[in-house]
Amino acid sequence: MVLQVAGLSHRPEVKDATATLREGIIWLDGPELGVHRLIRMLASIERSETGTVLWNGRPVAGGSFRRMLGFLPNLRHQWFPNGPRVQQSLDYFAALWAVPRPRWARDQALRQWDLEPLANEPVVNLSSGQQKRFALAVSFLMDPVVWIAEFPFTGLDGPSRVVLQDLLQHRRAVGTLNLLAETSDIMGALAWTQKLELRDGVLVDRSIISAK
């Protein structure tokens, strides 16, 4: 599995993003605004000015790549609508993405992210930490082949950080691709496989395989 990035730009934050991303845990480092812009382009949420993104040699534009992509945005830039409840929202996304065994996937997500007591709460009423767990549950709902996330550990309590860390190590072992924008103190505890740095708008491969 290969995600190829070729000449992506969205000036002034991103000038030339070119890299080959392979399965494992990939650490994306750099200025927050530039990383935010780059991640949204990789997830096909925001259009680039130039360049392309290929998944196994094919453009990611279109529904087929989105159905295998889990995306976790930076919740500082996220707006939650008033009304939908936690369980209702998980049911909606399971149906939208045609998740196999949708009720099982929903119940598993509720248990895994300690959302069962909050199942009937409106998402907009959750605390910031609870909203983060909800967003993580949504992003992993389809058991995605590719997972792209902005600061996934930020705002999580200790037990939830352990859940996420264990899940990422399992996903690394089974051969999925996981791209994280995260701080160095967090990534130091993960067995990442590739490090990319956005420097002066250019994407640089800084990979020294983590020995953890």
N, C-alpha and C. Protein backbone atom coordinates (compact mmCIF):
# COMPACT_ATOMS: atom_id res chain seq x y z
N MET A 1 0.84 -1.19 0.00
CA MET A 1 0.00 0.00 0.00
C MET A 1 0.88 1.24 0.00
N VAL A 2 0.63 2.12 -0.96
CA VAL A 2 1.46 3.31 -1.11
C VAL A 2 0.58 4.52 -1.38
N LEU A 3 0.80 5.60 -0.62
CA LEU A 3 0.18 6.89 -0.86
C LEU A 3 1.27 7.82 -1.37
N GLN A 4 1.15 8.24 -2.62
CA GLN A 4 2.18 9.08 -3.23
C GLN A 4 1.69 10.52 -3.31
N VAL A 5 2.54 11.42 -2.86
CA VAL A 5 2.25 12.85 -2.88
C VAL A 5 3.24 13.49 -3.84
N ALA A 6 2.74 14.19 -4.85
CA ALA A 6 3.62 14.73 -5.88
C ALA A 6 3.31 16.20 -6.13
N GLY A 7 4.20 17.07 -5.64
CA GLY A 7 4.14 18.49 -5.96
C GLY A 7 2.92 19.23 -5.45
N LEU A 8 2.37 18.81 -4.29
CA LEU A 8 1.21 19.51 -3.74
C LEU A 8 1.61 20.91 -3.28
N SER A 9 0.75 21.87 -3.54
CA SER A 9 1.01 23.22 -3.05
C SER A 9 -0.29 23.90 -2.71
N HIS A 10 -0.21 24.76 -1.71
CA HIS A 10 -1.29 25.68 -1.35
C HIS A 10 -0.60 26.82 -0.62
N ARG A 11 -0.12 27.78 -1.40
CA ARG A 11 0.73 28.84 -0.88
C ARG A 11 -0.06 29.81 -0.01
N PRO A 12 0.62 30.35 1.01
CA PRO A 12 2.05 30.27 1.27
C PRO A 12 2.46 29.10 2.18
N GLU A 13 1.49 28.36 2.76
CA GLU A 13 1.85 27.36 3.78
C GLU A 13 2.54 26.13 3.18
N VAL A 14 2.08 25.69 2.02
CA VAL A 14 2.64 24.49 1.38
C VAL A 14 3.08 24.85 -0.03
N LYS A 15 4.40 24.67 -0.30
CA LYS A 15 4.96 25.07 -1.59
C LYS A 15 5.29 23.88 -2.48
N ASP A 16 5.78 22.80 -1.87
CA ASP A 16 6.11 21.60 -2.66
C ASP A 16 6.13 20.40 -1.73
N ALA A 17 5.03 19.68 -1.70
CA ALA A 17 4.94 18.48 -0.87
C ALA A 17 5.04 17.27 -1.77
N THR A 18 6.17 16.57 -1.68
CA THR A 18 6.41 15.38 -2.49
C THR A 18 6.99 14.30 -1.59
N ALA A 19 6.33 13.15 -1.53
CA ALA A 19 6.81 12.05 -0.68
C ALA A 19 6.06 10.78 -1.03
N THR A 20 6.63 9.65 -0.61
CA THR A 20 5.97 8.36 -0.73
C THR A 20 5.70 7.84 0.67
N LEU A 21 4.44 7.61 0.99
CA LEU A 21 4.03 7.15 2.33
C LEU A 21 3.65 5.67 2.23
N ARG A 22 4.22 4.88 3.12
CA ARG A 22 3.96 3.45 3.11
C ARG A 22 3.29 3.03 4.42
N GLU A 23 2.82 1.80 4.46
CA GLU A 23 2.11 1.32 5.63
C GLU A 23 2.97 1.45 6.88
N GLY A 24 2.30 1.67 8.01
CA GLY A 24 2.98 1.86 9.28
C GLY A 24 2.43 3.08 9.98
N ILE A 25 3.24 3.67 10.87
CA ILE A 25 2.88 4.89 11.58
C ILE A 25 3.79 6.01 11.10
N ILE A 26 3.22 7.01 10.47
CA ILE A 26 3.97 8.10 9.85
C ILE A 26 3.75 9.36 10.66
N TRP A 27 4.83 9.95 11.08
CA TRP A 27 4.79 11.17 11.89
C TRP A 27 4.99 12.38 10.98
N LEU A 28 4.01 13.28 10.94
CA LEU A 28 4.11 14.52 10.18
C LEU A 28 4.35 15.67 11.14
N ASP A 29 5.48 16.33 10.98
CA ASP A 29 5.88 17.41 11.87
C ASP A 29 5.98 18.70 11.07
N GLY A 30 5.86 19.83 11.77
CA GLY A 30 6.01 21.11 11.09
C GLY A 30 5.06 22.15 11.64
N PRO A 31 5.04 23.36 11.06
CA PRO A 31 4.16 24.43 11.53
C PRO A 31 2.70 23.99 11.47
N GLU A 32 1.94 24.32 12.52
CA GLU A 32 0.58 23.79 12.64
C GLU A 32 -0.31 24.17 11.46
N LEU A 33 -0.23 25.42 11.00
CA LEU A 33 -1.11 25.85 9.91
C LEU A 33 -0.76 25.12 8.61
N GLY A 34 0.53 24.96 8.33
CA GLY A 34 0.93 24.26 7.12
C GLY A 34 0.56 22.79 7.18
N VAL A 35 0.77 22.16 8.34
CA VAL A 35 0.40 20.76 8.51
C VAL A 35 -1.11 20.59 8.35
N HIS A 36 -1.88 21.50 8.93
CA HIS A 36 -3.34 21.47 8.81
C HIS A 36 -3.76 21.51 7.33
N ARG A 37 -3.15 22.42 6.58
CA ARG A 37 -3.49 22.55 5.17
C ARG A 37 -3.10 21.28 4.40
N LEU A 38 -1.91 20.76 4.67
CA LEU A 38 -1.43 19.58 3.95
C LEU A 38 -2.30 18.36 4.23
N ILE A 39 -2.64 18.17 5.49
CA ILE A 39 -3.46 17.01 5.85
C ILE A 39 -4.82 17.06 5.17
N ARG A 40 -5.43 18.22 5.09
CA ARG A 40 -6.73 18.34 4.44
C ARG A 40 -6.62 18.07 2.94
N MET A 41 -5.50 18.42 2.34
CA MET A 41 -5.31 18.09 0.92
C MET A 41 -5.10 16.59 0.74
N LEU A 42 -4.36 15.96 1.62
CA LEU A 42 -4.14 14.52 1.52
C LEU A 42 -5.44 13.74 1.68
N ALA A 43 -6.34 14.26 2.51
CA ALA A 43 -7.62 13.59 2.74
C ALA A 43 -8.68 13.99 1.71
N SER A 44 -8.28 14.76 0.70
CA SER A 44 -9.20 15.20 -0.36
C SER A 44 -10.34 16.06 0.17
N ILE A 45 -10.10 16.76 1.26
CA ILE A 45 -11.09 17.68 1.82
C ILE A 45 -10.89 19.08 1.27
N GLU A 46 -9.65 19.41 0.96
CA GLU A 46 -9.31 20.72 0.42
C GLU A 46 -8.51 20.52 -0.86
N ARG A 47 -8.80 21.33 -1.86
CA ARG A 47 -8.12 21.20 -3.15
C ARG A 47 -6.75 21.87 -3.09
N SER A 48 -5.79 21.24 -3.73
CA SER A 48 -4.46 21.83 -3.85
C SER A 48 -4.41 22.75 -5.06
N GLU A 49 -3.45 23.68 -5.05
CA GLU A 49 -3.28 24.56 -6.20
C GLU A 49 -2.57 23.83 -7.33
N THR A 50 -1.60 22.98 -6.95
CA THR A 50 -0.89 22.16 -7.93
C THR A 50 -0.64 20.78 -7.31
N GLY A 51 -0.27 19.84 -8.15
CA GLY A 51 0.14 18.53 -7.67
C GLY A 51 -0.99 17.52 -7.60
N THR A 52 -0.63 16.31 -7.15
CA THR A 52 -1.59 15.23 -7.11
C THR A 52 -1.29 14.28 -5.96
N VAL A 53 -2.30 13.53 -5.57
CA VAL A 53 -2.15 12.48 -4.57
C VAL A 53 -2.64 11.18 -5.20
N LEU A 54 -1.81 10.14 -5.12
CA LEU A 54 -2.13 8.85 -5.72
C LEU A 54 -2.16 7.77 -4.64
N TRP A 55 -3.17 6.90 -4.74
CA TRP A 55 -3.25 5.73 -3.86
C TRP A 55 -3.03 4.49 -4.72
N ASN A 56 -1.91 3.81 -4.46
CA ASN A 56 -1.53 2.65 -5.28
C ASN A 56 -1.58 2.99 -6.77
N GLY A 57 -1.08 4.18 -7.09
CA GLY A 57 -0.94 4.59 -8.48
C GLY A 57 -2.16 5.25 -9.10
N ARG A 58 -3.26 5.40 -8.34
CA ARG A 58 -4.48 6.00 -8.89
C ARG A 58 -4.85 7.26 -8.11
N PRO A 59 -5.39 8.27 -8.79
CA PRO A 59 -5.78 9.50 -8.09
C PRO A 59 -6.79 9.21 -6.99
N VAL A 60 -6.64 9.93 -5.87
CA VAL A 60 -7.52 9.69 -4.72
C VAL A 60 -8.89 10.34 -4.90
N ALA A 61 -9.03 11.24 -5.86
CA ALA A 61 -10.31 11.92 -6.07
C ALA A 61 -11.39 10.88 -6.36
N GLY A 62 -12.53 11.01 -5.69
CA GLY A 62 -13.63 10.08 -5.90
C GLY A 62 -13.96 9.31 -4.64
N GLY A 63 -15.06 8.59 -4.69
CA GLY A 63 -15.59 7.94 -3.50
C GLY A 63 -14.84 6.72 -3.04
N SER A 64 -14.12 6.02 -3.94
CA SER A 64 -13.50 4.76 -3.55
C SER A 64 -12.44 4.96 -2.48
N PHE A 65 -11.62 6.00 -2.60
CA PHE A 65 -10.59 6.25 -1.58
C PHE A 65 -11.23 6.72 -0.28
N ARG A 66 -12.27 7.55 -0.37
CA ARG A 66 -12.92 8.06 0.85
C ARG A 66 -13.51 6.93 1.68
N ARG A 67 -13.94 5.85 1.01
CA ARG A 67 -14.55 4.74 1.74
C ARG A 67 -13.53 3.89 2.48
N MET A 68 -12.24 4.12 2.22
CA MET A 68 -11.23 3.38 2.97
C MET A 68 -10.40 4.31 3.86
N LEU A 69 -10.82 5.57 3.96
CA LEU A 69 -10.08 6.59 4.70
C LEU A 69 -10.79 6.95 6.00
N GLY A 70 -10.07 6.88 7.11
CA GLY A 70 -10.52 7.44 8.37
C GLY A 70 -9.83 8.78 8.58
N PHE A 71 -10.59 9.82 8.90
CA PHE A 71 -10.01 11.16 9.03
C PHE A 71 -10.41 11.77 10.37
N LEU A 72 -9.41 12.25 11.09
CA LEU A 72 -9.65 12.95 12.35
C LEU A 72 -9.15 14.38 12.21
N PRO A 73 -10.05 15.38 12.17
CA PRO A 73 -9.62 16.76 12.04
C PRO A 73 -9.12 17.31 13.36
N ASN A 74 -8.47 18.45 13.26
CA ASN A 74 -8.15 19.23 14.46
C ASN A 74 -9.46 19.82 14.97
N LEU A 75 -9.89 19.41 16.15
CA LEU A 75 -11.22 19.82 16.63
C LEU A 75 -11.31 21.31 16.92
N ARG A 76 -10.20 22.00 16.95
CA ARG A 76 -10.26 23.46 17.10
C ARG A 76 -10.89 24.10 15.86
N HIS A 77 -10.83 23.38 14.73
CA HIS A 77 -11.40 23.90 13.49
C HIS A 77 -12.72 23.19 13.14
N GLN A 78 -13.25 22.42 14.08
CA GLN A 78 -14.43 21.61 13.82
C GLN A 78 -15.66 22.20 14.50
N TRP A 79 -16.78 22.16 13.81
CA TRP A 79 -18.05 22.62 14.35
C TRP A 79 -19.00 21.44 14.45
N PHE A 80 -19.59 21.23 15.62
CA PHE A 80 -20.54 20.15 15.81
C PHE A 80 -21.96 20.72 15.74
N PRO A 81 -22.82 20.17 14.87
CA PRO A 81 -24.19 20.69 14.75
C PRO A 81 -25.01 20.40 16.00
N ASN A 82 -25.99 21.23 16.24
CA ASN A 82 -26.89 21.04 17.38
C ASN A 82 -27.95 20.00 17.03
N GLY A 83 -28.12 19.01 17.88
CA GLY A 83 -29.18 18.04 17.64
C GLY A 83 -28.76 16.59 17.65
N PRO A 84 -27.91 16.15 16.68
CA PRO A 84 -27.58 14.73 16.60
C PRO A 84 -26.94 14.20 17.89
N ARG A 85 -27.35 13.01 18.29
CA ARG A 85 -26.81 12.37 19.49
C ARG A 85 -25.69 11.40 19.12
N VAL A 86 -24.94 10.98 20.11
CA VAL A 86 -23.74 10.18 19.87
C VAL A 86 -24.07 8.91 19.10
N GLN A 87 -24.97 8.07 19.63
CA GLN A 87 -25.28 6.81 18.97
C GLN A 87 -25.93 7.05 17.61
N GLN A 88 -26.81 8.02 17.53
CA GLN A 88 -27.46 8.36 16.28
C GLN A 88 -26.42 8.74 15.22
N SER A 89 -25.43 9.51 15.63
CA SER A 89 -24.40 9.95 14.69
C SER A 89 -23.55 8.78 14.22
N LEU A 90 -23.21 7.87 15.12
CA LEU A 90 -22.44 6.70 14.71
C LEU A 90 -23.25 5.84 13.73
N ASP A 91 -24.54 5.69 13.98
CA ASP A 91 -25.40 4.96 13.04
C ASP A 91 -25.41 5.64 11.67
N TYR A 92 -25.46 6.96 11.68
CA TYR A 92 -25.48 7.70 10.41
C TYR A 92 -24.21 7.44 9.61
N PHE A 93 -23.04 7.56 10.26
CA PHE A 93 -21.78 7.37 9.54
C PHE A 93 -21.61 5.91 9.10
N ALA A 94 -22.06 4.97 9.91
CA ALA A 94 -21.98 3.56 9.53
C ALA A 94 -22.79 3.29 8.26
N ALA A 95 -23.96 3.92 8.16
CA ALA A 95 -24.78 3.77 6.96
C ALA A 95 -24.17 4.51 5.77
N LEU A 96 -23.66 5.71 6.01
CA LEU A 96 -23.06 6.51 4.95
C LEU A 96 -21.91 5.78 4.28
N TRP A 97 -21.07 5.14 5.10
CA TRP A 97 -19.88 4.46 4.59
C TRP A 97 -20.09 2.97 4.34
N ALA A 98 -21.33 2.51 4.46
CA ALA A 98 -21.66 1.09 4.23
C ALA A 98 -20.74 0.19 5.04
N VAL A 99 -20.62 0.49 6.33
CA VAL A 99 -19.78 -0.31 7.22
C VAL A 99 -20.41 -1.70 7.39
N PRO A 100 -19.61 -2.77 7.20
CA PRO A 100 -20.15 -4.11 7.44
C PRO A 100 -20.54 -4.28 8.92
N ARG A 101 -21.59 -5.02 9.18
CA ARG A 101 -22.07 -5.25 10.55
C ARG A 101 -22.15 -3.91 11.30
N PRO A 102 -22.99 -2.99 10.83
CA PRO A 102 -22.99 -1.62 11.37
C PRO A 102 -23.32 -1.53 12.85
N ARG A 103 -24.27 -2.34 13.34
CA ARG A 103 -24.61 -2.25 14.76
C ARG A 103 -23.46 -2.75 15.62
N TRP A 104 -22.80 -3.82 15.18
CA TRP A 104 -21.64 -4.31 15.93
C TRP A 104 -20.55 -3.26 15.95
N ALA A 105 -20.28 -2.65 14.79
CA ALA A 105 -19.23 -1.61 14.72
C ALA A 105 -19.57 -0.44 15.62
N ARG A 106 -20.85 -0.04 15.62
CA ARG A 106 -21.28 1.07 16.50
C ARG A 106 -21.08 0.72 17.97
N ASP A 107 -21.55 -0.47 18.37
CA ASP A 107 -21.44 -0.86 19.78
C ASP A 107 -19.99 -1.02 20.20
N GLN A 108 -19.17 -1.54 19.30
CA GLN A 108 -17.74 -1.67 19.58
C GLN A 108 -17.11 -0.30 19.79
N ALA A 109 -17.48 0.67 18.95
CA ALA A 109 -16.94 2.03 19.08
C ALA A 109 -17.37 2.67 20.40
N LEU A 110 -18.63 2.47 20.78
CA LEU A 110 -19.11 3.02 22.04
C LEU A 110 -18.34 2.46 23.22
N ARG A 111 -18.09 1.15 23.20
CA ARG A 111 -17.34 0.52 24.30
C ARG A 111 -15.88 0.95 24.30
N GLN A 112 -15.26 0.90 23.13
CA GLN A 112 -13.83 1.16 23.04
C GLN A 112 -13.46 2.56 23.52
N TRP A 113 -14.31 3.54 23.21
CA TRP A 113 -14.00 4.93 23.54
C TRP A 113 -14.82 5.44 24.72
N ASP A 114 -15.34 4.52 25.53
CA ASP A 114 -16.06 4.86 26.77
C ASP A 114 -17.17 5.86 26.50
N LEU A 115 -17.96 5.59 25.46
CA LEU A 115 -19.05 6.48 25.09
C LEU A 115 -20.42 5.90 25.43
N GLU A 116 -20.46 4.68 25.96
CA GLU A 116 -21.76 4.06 26.25
C GLU A 116 -22.62 4.92 27.19
N PRO A 117 -22.04 5.51 28.25
CA PRO A 117 -22.88 6.36 29.11
C PRO A 117 -23.38 7.63 28.43
N LEU A 118 -22.77 7.96 27.29
CA LEU A 118 -23.10 9.21 26.59
C LEU A 118 -23.87 8.95 25.30
N ALA A 119 -24.32 7.72 25.09
CA ALA A 119 -24.90 7.34 23.80
C ALA A 119 -26.07 8.23 23.38
N ASN A 120 -26.85 8.69 24.34
CA ASN A 120 -28.04 9.49 24.01
C ASN A 120 -27.83 10.98 24.22
N GLU A 121 -26.59 11.37 24.45
CA GLU A 121 -26.29 12.80 24.62
C GLU A 121 -26.08 13.46 23.25
N PRO A 122 -26.58 14.69 23.07
CA PRO A 122 -26.23 15.44 21.86
C PRO A 122 -24.72 15.67 21.79
N VAL A 123 -24.15 15.45 20.64
CA VAL A 123 -22.70 15.59 20.49
C VAL A 123 -22.25 17.00 20.88
N VAL A 124 -23.04 18.00 20.56
CA VAL A 124 -22.66 19.37 20.83
C VAL A 124 -22.55 19.65 22.33
N ASN A 125 -23.21 18.84 23.17
CA ASN A 125 -23.18 19.05 24.61
C ASN A 125 -22.00 18.36 25.30
N LEU A 126 -21.25 17.56 24.58
CA LEU A 126 -20.13 16.84 25.19
C LEU A 126 -19.01 17.80 25.55
N SER A 127 -18.20 17.41 26.54
CA SER A 127 -17.00 18.18 26.86
C SER A 127 -15.99 18.01 25.72
N SER A 128 -14.94 18.81 25.74
CA SER A 128 -13.94 18.74 24.67
C SER A 128 -13.28 17.36 24.61
N GLY A 129 -12.98 16.78 25.78
CA GLY A 129 -12.39 15.45 25.79
C GLY A 129 -13.35 14.39 25.28
N GLN A 130 -14.63 14.50 25.63
CA GLN A 130 -15.64 13.55 25.14
C GLN A 130 -15.84 13.71 23.64
N GLN A 131 -15.83 14.94 23.16
CA GLN A 131 -15.95 15.15 21.72
C GLN A 131 -14.76 14.55 20.98
N LYS A 132 -13.58 14.60 21.60
CA LYS A 132 -12.41 14.00 20.97
C LYS A 132 -12.57 12.49 20.87
N ARG A 133 -13.07 11.85 21.94
CA ARG A 133 -13.29 10.41 21.89
C ARG A 133 -14.36 10.06 20.86
N PHE A 134 -15.40 10.88 20.77
CA PHE A 134 -16.43 10.66 19.75
C PHE A 134 -15.82 10.77 18.35
N ALA A 135 -15.01 11.79 18.11
CA ALA A 135 -14.40 11.96 16.79
C ALA A 135 -13.47 10.79 16.45
N LEU A 136 -12.75 10.29 17.44
CA LEU A 136 -11.91 9.11 17.22
C LEU A 136 -12.77 7.90 16.87
N ALA A 137 -13.88 7.71 17.58
CA ALA A 137 -14.78 6.60 17.29
C ALA A 137 -15.28 6.67 15.85
N VAL A 138 -15.65 7.86 15.40
CA VAL A 138 -16.12 8.02 14.02
C VAL A 138 -14.99 7.71 13.03
N SER A 139 -13.79 8.18 13.31
CA SER A 139 -12.69 8.02 12.35
C SER A 139 -12.26 6.57 12.18
N PHE A 140 -12.46 5.74 13.22
CA PHE A 140 -12.09 4.33 13.14
C PHE A 140 -13.27 3.42 12.85
N LEU A 141 -14.45 3.97 12.65
CA LEU A 141 -15.68 3.18 12.57
C LEU A 141 -15.64 2.14 11.46
N MET A 142 -15.07 2.49 10.33
CA MET A 142 -15.04 1.59 9.18
C MET A 142 -13.79 0.70 9.17
N ASP A 143 -12.99 0.75 10.25
CA ASP A 143 -11.71 0.03 10.28
C ASP A 143 -10.89 0.39 9.04
N PRO A 144 -10.53 1.67 8.91
CA PRO A 144 -10.00 2.18 7.65
C PRO A 144 -8.62 1.62 7.30
N VAL A 145 -8.38 1.49 6.01
CA VAL A 145 -7.06 1.08 5.52
C VAL A 145 -6.06 2.21 5.70
N VAL A 146 -6.54 3.45 5.52
CA VAL A 146 -5.71 4.65 5.69
C VAL A 146 -6.37 5.51 6.77
N TRP A 147 -5.55 5.96 7.74
CA TRP A 147 -6.05 6.83 8.81
C TRP A 147 -5.18 8.06 8.86
N ILE A 148 -5.80 9.25 8.73
CA ILE A 148 -5.09 10.52 8.74
C ILE A 148 -5.65 11.37 9.88
N ALA A 149 -4.77 11.90 10.72
CA ALA A 149 -5.25 12.55 11.95
C ALA A 149 -4.40 13.76 12.30
N GLU A 150 -5.08 14.79 12.80
CA GLU A 150 -4.42 15.98 13.34
C GLU A 150 -4.47 15.94 14.86
N PHE A 151 -3.33 15.83 15.48
CA PHE A 151 -3.18 15.87 16.94
C PHE A 151 -4.20 14.96 17.64
N PRO A 152 -4.16 13.68 17.33
CA PRO A 152 -5.18 12.77 17.89
C PRO A 152 -5.07 12.57 19.40
N PHE A 153 -3.89 12.76 19.99
CA PHE A 153 -3.73 12.54 21.42
C PHE A 153 -4.10 13.77 22.25
N THR A 154 -4.13 14.94 21.62
CA THR A 154 -4.42 16.17 22.34
C THR A 154 -5.83 16.14 22.93
N GLY A 155 -5.93 16.43 24.22
CA GLY A 155 -7.23 16.48 24.87
C GLY A 155 -7.74 15.16 25.41
N LEU A 156 -6.98 14.09 25.22
CA LEU A 156 -7.39 12.78 25.73
C LEU A 156 -6.91 12.58 27.16
N ASP A 157 -7.70 11.88 27.96
CA ASP A 157 -7.25 11.49 29.29
C ASP A 157 -6.31 10.29 29.18
N GLY A 158 -5.69 9.92 30.31
CA GLY A 158 -4.71 8.85 30.31
C GLY A 158 -5.22 7.53 29.74
N PRO A 159 -6.35 7.01 30.22
CA PRO A 159 -6.85 5.73 29.69
C PRO A 159 -7.13 5.78 28.18
N SER A 160 -7.66 6.89 27.69
CA SER A 160 -7.95 7.00 26.27
C SER A 160 -6.67 7.07 25.44
N ARG A 161 -5.63 7.69 25.99
CA ARG A 161 -4.34 7.70 25.29
C ARG A 161 -3.79 6.29 25.14
N VAL A 162 -3.95 5.48 26.18
CA VAL A 162 -3.48 4.09 26.11
C VAL A 162 -4.26 3.33 25.06
N VAL A 163 -5.58 3.53 25.01
CA VAL A 163 -6.41 2.86 24.00
C VAL A 163 -5.93 3.22 22.60
N LEU A 164 -5.70 4.51 22.36
CA LEU A 164 -5.27 4.95 21.03
C LEU A 164 -3.88 4.41 20.69
N GLN A 165 -2.97 4.46 21.66
CA GLN A 165 -1.61 3.96 21.40
C GLN A 165 -1.64 2.47 21.07
N ASP A 166 -2.39 1.69 21.83
CA ASP A 166 -2.47 0.25 21.56
C ASP A 166 -3.12 -0.02 20.20
N LEU A 167 -4.14 0.76 19.87
CA LEU A 167 -4.81 0.57 18.59
C LEU A 167 -3.88 0.87 17.43
N LEU A 168 -3.08 1.92 17.56
CA LEU A 168 -2.14 2.26 16.48
C LEU A 168 -1.08 1.18 16.31
N GLN A 169 -0.59 0.63 17.41
CA GLN A 169 0.41 -0.43 17.29
C GLN A 169 -0.21 -1.67 16.64
N HIS A 170 -1.47 -1.96 16.95
CA HIS A 170 -2.15 -3.08 16.29
C HIS A 170 -2.30 -2.78 14.80
N ARG A 171 -2.68 -1.57 14.46
CA ARG A 171 -2.86 -1.22 13.06
C ARG A 171 -1.54 -1.26 12.31
N ARG A 172 -0.47 -0.89 12.97
CA ARG A 172 0.85 -1.02 12.34
C ARG A 172 1.15 -2.49 12.05
N ALA A 173 0.84 -3.37 13.00
CA ALA A 173 1.15 -4.80 12.85
C ALA A 173 0.37 -5.46 11.72
N VAL A 174 -0.86 -4.98 11.48
CA VAL A 174 -1.68 -5.61 10.44
C VAL A 174 -1.53 -4.93 9.08
N GLY A 175 -0.67 -3.91 8.99
CA GLY A 175 -0.33 -3.37 7.68
C GLY A 175 -1.19 -2.24 7.15
N THR A 176 -1.73 -1.41 8.04
CA THR A 176 -2.47 -0.24 7.58
C THR A 176 -1.53 0.97 7.54
N LEU A 177 -1.99 2.06 6.93
CA LEU A 177 -1.22 3.30 6.82
C LEU A 177 -1.85 4.33 7.74
N ASN A 178 -1.03 4.89 8.63
CA ASN A 178 -1.53 5.82 9.65
C ASN A 178 -0.64 7.06 9.66
N LEU A 179 -1.19 8.20 9.28
CA LEU A 179 -0.45 9.46 9.22
C LEU A 179 -0.93 10.37 10.33
N LEU A 180 0.00 10.77 11.23
CA LEU A 180 -0.36 11.59 12.39
C LEU A 180 0.44 12.88 12.39
N ALA A 181 -0.26 14.00 12.54
CA ALA A 181 0.40 15.23 12.92
C ALA A 181 0.34 15.30 14.44
N GLU A 182 1.49 15.31 15.09
CA GLU A 182 1.50 15.23 16.55
C GLU A 182 2.79 15.81 17.08
N THR A 183 2.81 16.08 18.39
CA THR A 183 3.98 16.68 19.02
C THR A 183 5.05 15.63 19.28
N SER A 184 6.29 16.11 19.48
CA SER A 184 7.42 15.20 19.64
C SER A 184 7.34 14.39 20.93
N ASP A 185 6.77 14.96 22.01
CA ASP A 185 6.71 14.20 23.26
C ASP A 185 5.75 13.02 23.13
N ILE A 186 4.69 13.17 22.37
CA ILE A 186 3.76 12.07 22.13
C ILE A 186 4.40 11.03 21.21
N MET A 187 4.94 11.48 20.10
CA MET A 187 5.48 10.54 19.11
C MET A 187 6.68 9.79 19.62
N GLY A 188 7.37 10.35 20.63
CA GLY A 188 8.50 9.64 21.22
C GLY A 188 8.11 8.33 21.87
N ALA A 189 6.84 8.19 22.24
CA ALA A 189 6.37 6.96 22.89
C ALA A 189 5.80 5.96 21.89
N LEU A 190 5.74 6.33 20.61
CA LEU A 190 5.17 5.45 19.60
C LEU A 190 6.27 4.85 18.72
N ALA A 191 6.03 3.64 18.25
CA ALA A 191 6.98 2.99 17.35
C ALA A 191 6.66 3.42 15.92
N TRP A 192 6.98 4.67 15.60
CA TRP A 192 6.68 5.16 14.26
C TRP A 192 7.67 4.59 13.25
N THR A 193 7.26 4.57 11.99
CA THR A 193 8.08 3.96 10.94
C THR A 193 8.63 4.97 9.94
N GLN A 194 8.04 6.16 9.90
CA GLN A 194 8.48 7.18 8.95
C GLN A 194 8.20 8.55 9.54
N LYS A 195 9.14 9.48 9.32
CA LYS A 195 8.93 10.85 9.78
C LYS A 195 9.07 11.81 8.61
N LEU A 196 8.04 12.65 8.44
CA LEU A 196 8.06 13.68 7.42
C LEU A 196 7.98 15.04 8.10
N GLU A 197 8.75 15.99 7.61
CA GLU A 197 8.75 17.34 8.18
C GLU A 197 8.41 18.36 7.09
N LEU A 198 7.45 19.21 7.39
CA LEU A 198 7.14 20.32 6.50
C LEU A 198 7.99 21.50 6.93
N ARG A 199 8.96 21.84 6.11
CA ARG A 199 9.89 22.93 6.45
C ARG A 199 9.90 23.95 5.32
N ASP A 200 9.57 25.20 5.67
CA ASP A 200 9.50 26.27 4.68
C ASP A 200 8.61 25.88 3.51
N GLY A 201 7.53 25.16 3.81
CA GLY A 201 6.57 24.78 2.78
C GLY A 201 6.94 23.58 1.95
N VAL A 202 8.10 22.99 2.24
CA VAL A 202 8.58 21.82 1.48
C VAL A 202 8.58 20.60 2.39
N LEU A 203 8.12 19.46 1.87
CA LEU A 203 8.04 18.23 2.65
C LEU A 203 9.35 17.47 2.54
N VAL A 204 9.96 17.20 3.71
CA VAL A 204 11.26 16.54 3.77
C VAL A 204 11.13 15.24 4.55
N ASP A 205 11.71 14.16 4.03
CA ASP A 205 11.68 12.87 4.72
C ASP A 205 12.82 12.83 5.73
N ARG A 206 12.48 12.73 7.01
CA ARG A 206 13.46 12.68 8.10
C ARG A 206 13.50 11.29 8.75
N SER A 207 13.18 10.27 8.02
CA SER A 207 12.97 8.96 8.60
C SER A 207 14.25 8.35 9.15
N ILE A 208 14.20 8.05 10.46
CA ILE A 208 15.12 7.13 11.10
C ILE A 208 14.21 6.20 11.87
N ILE A 209 14.10 4.98 11.45
CA ILE A 209 13.09 4.07 11.99
C ILE A 209 13.17 4.01 13.51
N SER A 210 12.03 4.21 14.15
CA SER A 210 11.96 4.16 15.61
C SER A 210 12.33 2.77 16.10
N ALA A 211 13.14 2.72 17.13
CA ALA A 211 13.61 1.44 17.65
C ALA A 211 12.68 0.87 18.72
N LYS A 212 11.61 1.59 19.04
CA LYS A 212 10.74 1.15 20.12
C LYS A 212 9.94 -0.08 19.72
